[in-house]
Protein backbone atom coordinates (compact mmCIF):
# COMPACT_ATOMS: atom_id res chain seq x y z
CA UNK A 1 -81.90 92.66 124.82
CA UNK A 2 -80.21 94.90 122.33
CA UNK A 3 -77.72 93.58 119.71
CA UNK A 4 -74.64 94.99 121.38
CA UNK A 5 -75.40 93.01 124.55
CA UNK A 6 -76.20 89.90 122.67
CA UNK A 7 -72.90 90.02 120.86
CA UNK A 8 -71.01 90.43 124.17
CA UNK A 9 -72.77 87.43 125.60
CA UNK A 10 -72.18 85.36 122.59
CA UNK A 11 -68.50 86.23 122.40
CA UNK A 12 -68.19 85.33 126.16
CA UNK A 13 -69.90 82.07 125.55
CA UNK A 14 -67.71 81.14 122.63
CA UNK A 15 -64.52 82.11 124.47
CA UNK A 16 -65.57 80.04 127.51
CA UNK A 17 -66.59 77.07 125.49
CA UNK A 18 -63.33 77.12 123.58
CA UNK A 19 -61.05 78.47 126.25
CA UNK A 20 -58.72 75.34 126.05
CA UNK A 21 -57.93 76.27 122.37
CA UNK A 22 -57.29 79.91 123.37
CA UNK A 23 -55.00 79.00 126.24
CA UNK A 24 -52.92 76.62 124.01
CA UNK A 25 -52.12 79.22 121.34
CA UNK A 26 -48.36 79.66 121.00
CA UNK A 27 -47.50 83.37 121.39
CA UNK A 28 -43.76 82.91 121.05
CA UNK A 29 -43.49 83.74 117.32
CA UNK A 30 -46.36 86.29 117.35
CA UNK A 31 -45.61 90.01 116.82
CA UNK A 32 -46.48 92.47 119.56
CA UNK A 33 -49.35 93.65 117.53
CA UNK A 34 -50.73 90.07 117.13
CA UNK A 35 -50.38 89.51 120.90
CA UNK A 36 -52.03 92.69 121.89
CA UNK A 37 -54.86 92.17 119.41
CA UNK A 38 -55.29 88.49 120.71
CA UNK A 39 -55.49 89.64 124.30
CA UNK A 40 -57.75 92.57 123.61
CA UNK A 41 -60.13 90.33 121.70
CA UNK A 42 -60.21 87.83 124.49
CA UNK A 43 -60.45 90.53 127.19
CA UNK A 44 -63.59 92.03 125.42
CA UNK A 45 -65.17 88.60 125.73
CA UNK A 46 -63.89 87.34 128.91
CA UNK A 47 -61.50 89.49 131.09
CA UNK A 48 -60.66 86.67 133.45
CA UNK A 49 -59.68 84.28 130.57
CA UNK A 50 -57.48 87.03 129.16
CA UNK A 51 -55.70 87.45 132.53
CA UNK A 52 -55.13 83.75 132.74
CA UNK A 53 -53.73 83.58 129.25
CA UNK A 54 -51.51 86.65 129.79
CA UNK A 55 -50.30 85.11 133.03
CA UNK A 56 -49.55 81.69 131.36
CA UNK A 57 -47.56 83.50 128.64
CA UNK A 58 -45.95 86.13 130.97
CA UNK A 59 -42.38 85.04 130.17
CA UNK A 60 -42.97 85.35 126.42
CA UNK A 61 -44.70 88.73 126.89
CA UNK A 62 -41.82 90.07 129.07
CA UNK A 63 -39.16 88.87 126.54
CA UNK A 64 -40.86 90.43 123.37
CA UNK A 65 -38.32 92.61 121.65
CA UNK A 66 -39.58 96.16 121.88
CA UNK A 67 -36.38 97.70 120.46
CA UNK A 68 -37.85 98.29 116.99
CA UNK A 69 -41.33 99.15 118.18
CA UNK A 70 -42.58 102.83 117.93
CA UNK A 71 -44.04 104.66 120.89
CA UNK A 72 -47.44 103.85 119.53
CA UNK A 73 -46.79 100.21 119.25
CA UNK A 74 -45.40 100.09 122.81
CA UNK A 75 -48.33 102.12 123.98
CA UNK A 76 -50.86 99.79 122.41
CA UNK A 77 -49.02 96.69 123.60
CA UNK A 78 -48.77 97.84 127.24
CA UNK A 79 -52.40 99.10 127.18
CA UNK A 80 -53.86 95.85 126.05
CA UNK A 81 -51.70 93.83 128.41
CA UNK A 82 -52.79 96.09 131.21
CA UNK A 83 -56.46 95.44 130.38
CA UNK A 84 -55.72 91.66 130.76
CA UNK A 85 -53.20 91.79 133.59
CA UNK A 86 -52.25 95.15 135.20
CA UNK A 87 -49.26 93.68 137.21
CA UNK A 88 -47.70 92.06 134.15
CA UNK A 89 -47.99 95.36 132.25
CA UNK A 90 -46.12 97.10 135.13
CA UNK A 91 -43.44 94.48 135.05
CA UNK A 92 -43.08 94.71 131.19
CA UNK A 93 -42.81 98.46 131.40
CA UNK A 94 -40.18 98.18 134.19
CA UNK A 95 -38.17 95.60 132.20
CA UNK A 96 -38.23 97.66 129.05
CA UNK A 97 -37.71 101.07 130.85
CA UNK A 98 -34.58 101.81 128.81
CA UNK A 99 -36.54 101.44 125.46
CA UNK A 100 -39.38 103.27 126.93
CA UNK A 101 -37.22 106.17 128.03
CA UNK A 102 -35.66 106.31 124.55
CA UNK A 103 -39.00 106.34 122.71
CA UNK A 104 -40.48 108.96 125.14
CA UNK A 105 -37.40 111.17 124.76
CA UNK A 106 -38.00 111.19 120.93
CA UNK A 107 -41.64 111.68 121.29
CA UNK A 108 -43.59 114.92 120.73
CA UNK A 109 -45.74 116.31 123.51
CA UNK A 110 -48.80 114.94 121.65
CA UNK A 111 -47.27 111.43 121.39
CA UNK A 112 -46.48 111.52 125.21
CA UNK A 113 -50.00 112.69 125.87
CA UNK A 114 -51.58 109.99 123.90
CA UNK A 115 -49.20 107.45 125.56
CA UNK A 116 -50.18 108.56 129.04
CA UNK A 117 -53.85 108.80 128.25
CA UNK A 118 -54.10 105.27 126.78
CA UNK A 119 -52.03 103.70 129.51
CA UNK A 120 -54.12 105.59 132.24
CA UNK A 121 -57.33 104.22 130.69
CA UNK A 122 -56.02 100.67 131.28
CA UNK A 123 -54.12 101.30 134.49
CA UNK A 124 -53.85 104.74 136.26
CA UNK A 125 -51.15 103.51 138.54
CA UNK A 126 -48.92 102.44 135.68
CA UNK A 127 -49.39 105.74 133.84
CA UNK A 128 -48.35 107.53 137.10
CA UNK A 129 -45.29 105.38 137.55
CA UNK A 130 -44.21 105.95 133.90
CA UNK A 131 -44.81 109.70 134.16
CA UNK A 132 -42.90 109.87 137.49
CA UNK A 133 -40.04 107.75 136.20
CA UNK A 134 -39.67 109.86 133.11
CA UNK A 135 -40.51 113.21 134.60
CA UNK A 136 -37.35 114.74 133.22
CA UNK A 137 -38.62 114.07 129.67
CA UNK A 138 -41.95 115.51 130.51
CA UNK A 139 -40.34 118.57 132.10
CA UNK A 140 -38.31 119.17 128.88
CA UNK A 141 -41.32 118.68 126.60
CA UNK A 142 -43.57 120.96 128.80
CA UNK A 143 -40.71 123.71 128.83
CA UNK A 144 -40.79 123.66 125.04
CA UNK A 145 -44.59 123.50 124.57
CA UNK A 146 -46.87 126.44 123.87
CA UNK A 147 -49.57 127.43 126.30
CA UNK A 148 -52.19 125.76 124.06
CA UNK A 149 -50.17 122.55 123.94
CA UNK A 150 -49.76 122.45 127.69
CA UNK A 151 -53.58 123.05 128.26
CA UNK A 152 -54.32 120.24 125.64
CA UNK A 153 -51.83 117.95 127.19
CA UNK A 154 -53.12 118.33 130.88
CA UNK A 155 -56.82 118.58 129.82
CA UNK A 156 -56.55 115.30 127.80
CA UNK A 157 -54.72 113.49 130.53
CA UNK A 158 -57.39 114.72 133.17
CA UNK A 159 -60.24 113.65 131.04
CA UNK A 160 -58.43 110.35 130.07
């Protein structure tokens, strides 16, 4: 057994043994970065436990204020929630679509590429929904982009 595998198993064992503590953590005062790191860490150890915790705190996660968050912070938040609970990530993206639209309209082609790539890694359907809903912004950015930028954008998304 290699070290990486042993560490995964140990993390899962610890998360399982102390799942009651993890479930009871109060996320209401946590920042979006703290929440995403918390869920990401748990998901790496035990994906089902992360989904259960995300579901338990779904109201808090939906109500987090994203109005001051950057496109990168929103990307990371949605990506890591999607890793735990894809449906919840879709609901959050939908509920915050105005903020998402505003951030995407201010983003560069590279930022939009990174956003869609990261979301697609966690949930391809969510990335497609966001791209479709905000296709006018994509159209504008692509029309302003150089050939190299377009190739990089599409190539990166395709390779995801």
